[in-house]
Amino acid sequence: MLKTNTFFPLIEIGGRYMKKTNAMRELDKAGIDYQYYEYEVDEEHLGAIDVALKTGQDISCVFKTLVLINEKKK
């Protein structure tokens, strides 16, 4: 399921690839298992509690990675 290389660690999700987040790389380095979930983004509800509710996960077990968008929306 997971595909990686030296320069750009990647994760395969639903037949497509994305770069791993820093949190994913740190968990990999520490040998800690984790699950990756995708969900519909709602800009009004971006907190970890909202994400836990959207993905059906226990709120106390959710770690959310912060993603920022610059002025150019990149």
C-alpha atoms as a PDB file:
ATOM      1  CA  MET A   1       0.000   0.000   0.000  1.00  0.00           C
ATOM      2  CA  LEU A   2       2.690   2.555   0.939  1.00  0.00           C
ATOM      3  CA  LYS A   3       5.244   3.564  -1.676  1.00  0.00           C
ATOM      4  CA  THR A   4       8.308   5.588  -0.719  1.00  0.00           C
ATOM      5  CA  ASN A   5      11.573   6.773  -2.202  1.00  0.00           C
ATOM      6  CA  THR A   6      14.566   8.605  -0.787  1.00  0.00           C
ATOM      7  CA  PHE A   7      13.673  12.087  -1.991  1.00  0.00           C
ATOM      8  CA  PHE A   8       9.879  12.256  -1.887  1.00  0.00           C
ATOM      9  CA  PRO A   9       8.186   9.797   0.478  1.00  0.00           C
ATOM     10  CA  LEU A  10       4.804   9.019  -1.065  1.00  0.00           C
ATOM     11  CA  ILE A  11       1.643   7.337   0.114  1.00  0.00           C
ATOM     12  CA  GLU A  12      -0.791   5.645  -2.261  1.00  0.00           C
ATOM     13  CA  ILE A  13      -4.443   6.399  -1.585  1.00  0.00           C
ATOM     14  CA  GLY A  14      -7.215   5.201  -3.846  1.00  0.00           C
ATOM     15  CA  GLY A  15      -4.900   4.643  -6.803  1.00  0.00           C
ATOM     16  CA  ARG A  16      -3.205   8.043  -6.602  1.00  0.00           C
ATOM     17  CA  TYR A  17      -0.089   9.233  -4.819  1.00  0.00           C
ATOM     18  CA  MET A  18       0.560  12.171  -2.513  1.00  0.00           C
ATOM     19  CA  LYS A  19       3.610  13.353  -0.596  1.00  0.00           C
ATOM     20  CA  LYS A  20       3.640  12.253   3.020  1.00  0.00           C
ATOM     21  CA  THR A  21       3.174  14.974   5.627  1.00  0.00           C
ATOM     22  CA  ASN A  22       5.899  15.755   8.171  1.00  0.00           C
ATOM     23  CA  ALA A  23       3.768  13.989  10.787  1.00  0.00           C
ATOM     24  CA  MET A  24       3.667  10.827   8.640  1.00  0.00           C
ATOM     25  CA  ARG A  25       7.437  10.902   8.111  1.00  0.00           C
ATOM     26  CA  GLU A  26       8.084  11.329  11.841  1.00  0.00           C
ATOM     27  CA  LEU A  27       5.749   8.435  12.686  1.00  0.00           C
ATOM     28  CA  ASP A  28       7.497   6.269  10.063  1.00  0.00           C
ATOM     29  CA  LYS A  29      10.904   7.195  11.485  1.00  0.00           C
ATOM     30  CA  ALA A  30       9.727   6.232  14.989  1.00  0.00           C
ATOM     31  CA  GLY A  31       8.216   2.962  13.739  1.00  0.00           C
ATOM     32  CA  ILE A  32       4.712   3.964  14.859  1.00  0.00           C
ATOM     33  CA  ASP A  33       1.720   2.564  12.939  1.00  0.00           C
ATOM     34  CA  TYR A  34      -0.976   5.022  11.854  1.00  0.00           C
ATOM     35  CA  GLN A  35      -4.027   5.323   9.613  1.00  0.00           C
ATOM     36  CA  TYR A  36      -4.567   8.039   7.023  1.00  0.00           C
ATOM     37  CA  TYR A  37      -8.105   9.333   6.433  1.00  0.00           C
ATOM     38  CA  GLU A  38      -9.429  11.679   3.764  1.00  0.00           C
ATOM     39  CA  TYR A  39     -12.515  13.791   4.364  1.00  0.00           C
ATOM     40  CA  GLU A  40     -14.428  16.650   2.768  1.00  0.00           C
ATOM     41  CA  VAL A  41     -12.920  19.958   3.889  1.00  0.00           C
ATOM     42  CA  ASP A  42     -15.289  22.487   5.452  1.00  0.00           C
ATOM     43  CA  GLU A  43     -13.425  25.754   6.063  1.00  0.00           C
ATOM     44  CA  GLU A  44     -15.754  26.583   8.975  1.00  0.00           C
ATOM     45  CA  HIS A  45     -14.872  23.379  10.860  1.00  0.00           C
ATOM     46  CA  LEU A  46     -11.148  22.622  10.611  1.00  0.00           C
ATOM     47  CA  GLY A  47     -10.363  21.468  14.155  1.00  0.00           C
ATOM     48  CA  ALA A  48      -9.348  17.974  15.237  1.00  0.00           C
ATOM     49  CA  ILE A  49     -12.716  17.427  16.962  1.00  0.00           C
ATOM     50  CA  ASP A  50     -14.555  18.213  13.710  1.00  0.00           C
ATOM     51  CA  VAL A  51     -12.246  15.842  11.819  1.00  0.00           C
ATOM     52  CA  ALA A  52     -12.827  13.076  14.373  1.00  0.00           C
ATOM     53  CA  LEU A  53     -16.579  13.466  13.978  1.00  0.00           C
ATOM     54  CA  LYS A  54     -16.351  13.476  10.148  1.00  0.00           C
ATOM     55  CA  THR A  55     -14.200  10.331  10.057  1.00  0.00           C
ATOM     56  CA  GLY A  56     -15.983   8.460  12.849  1.00  0.00           C
ATOM     57  CA  GLN A  57     -12.879   8.314  15.049  1.00  0.00           C
ATOM     58  CA  ASP A  58     -12.493   8.601  18.820  1.00  0.00           C
ATOM     59  CA  ILE A  59     -11.724  12.272  19.518  1.00  0.00           C
ATOM     60  CA  SER A  60      -8.950  11.351  21.971  1.00  0.00           C
ATOM     61  CA  CYS A  61      -7.136   9.383  19.231  1.00  0.00           C
ATOM     62  CA  VAL A  62      -7.036  12.021  16.482  1.00  0.00           C
ATOM     63  CA  PHE A  63      -3.878  13.904  15.544  1.00  0.00           C
ATOM     64  CA  LYS A  64      -4.499  16.457  12.817  1.00  0.00           C
ATOM     65  CA  THR A  65      -1.747  17.862  10.607  1.00  0.00           C
ATOM     66  CA  LEU A  66      -1.987  21.599   9.969  1.00  0.00           C
ATOM     67  CA  VAL A  67      -1.916  22.574   6.285  1.00  0.00           C
ATOM     68  CA  LEU A  68      -1.405  26.184   5.248  1.00  0.00           C
ATOM     69  CA  ILE A  69      -2.259  27.968   1.987  1.00  0.00           C
ATOM     70  CA  ASN A  70      -0.277  31.041   0.911  1.00  0.00           C
ATOM     71  CA  GLU A  71      -1.637  34.151  -0.809  1.00  0.00           C
ATOM     72  CA  LYS A  72      -1.334  32.412  -4.198  1.00  0.00           C
ATOM     73  CA  LYS A  73      -3.518  29.545  -2.898  1.00  0.00           C
ATOM     74  CA  LYS A  74      -0.596  27.095  -3.140  1.00  0.00           C
END
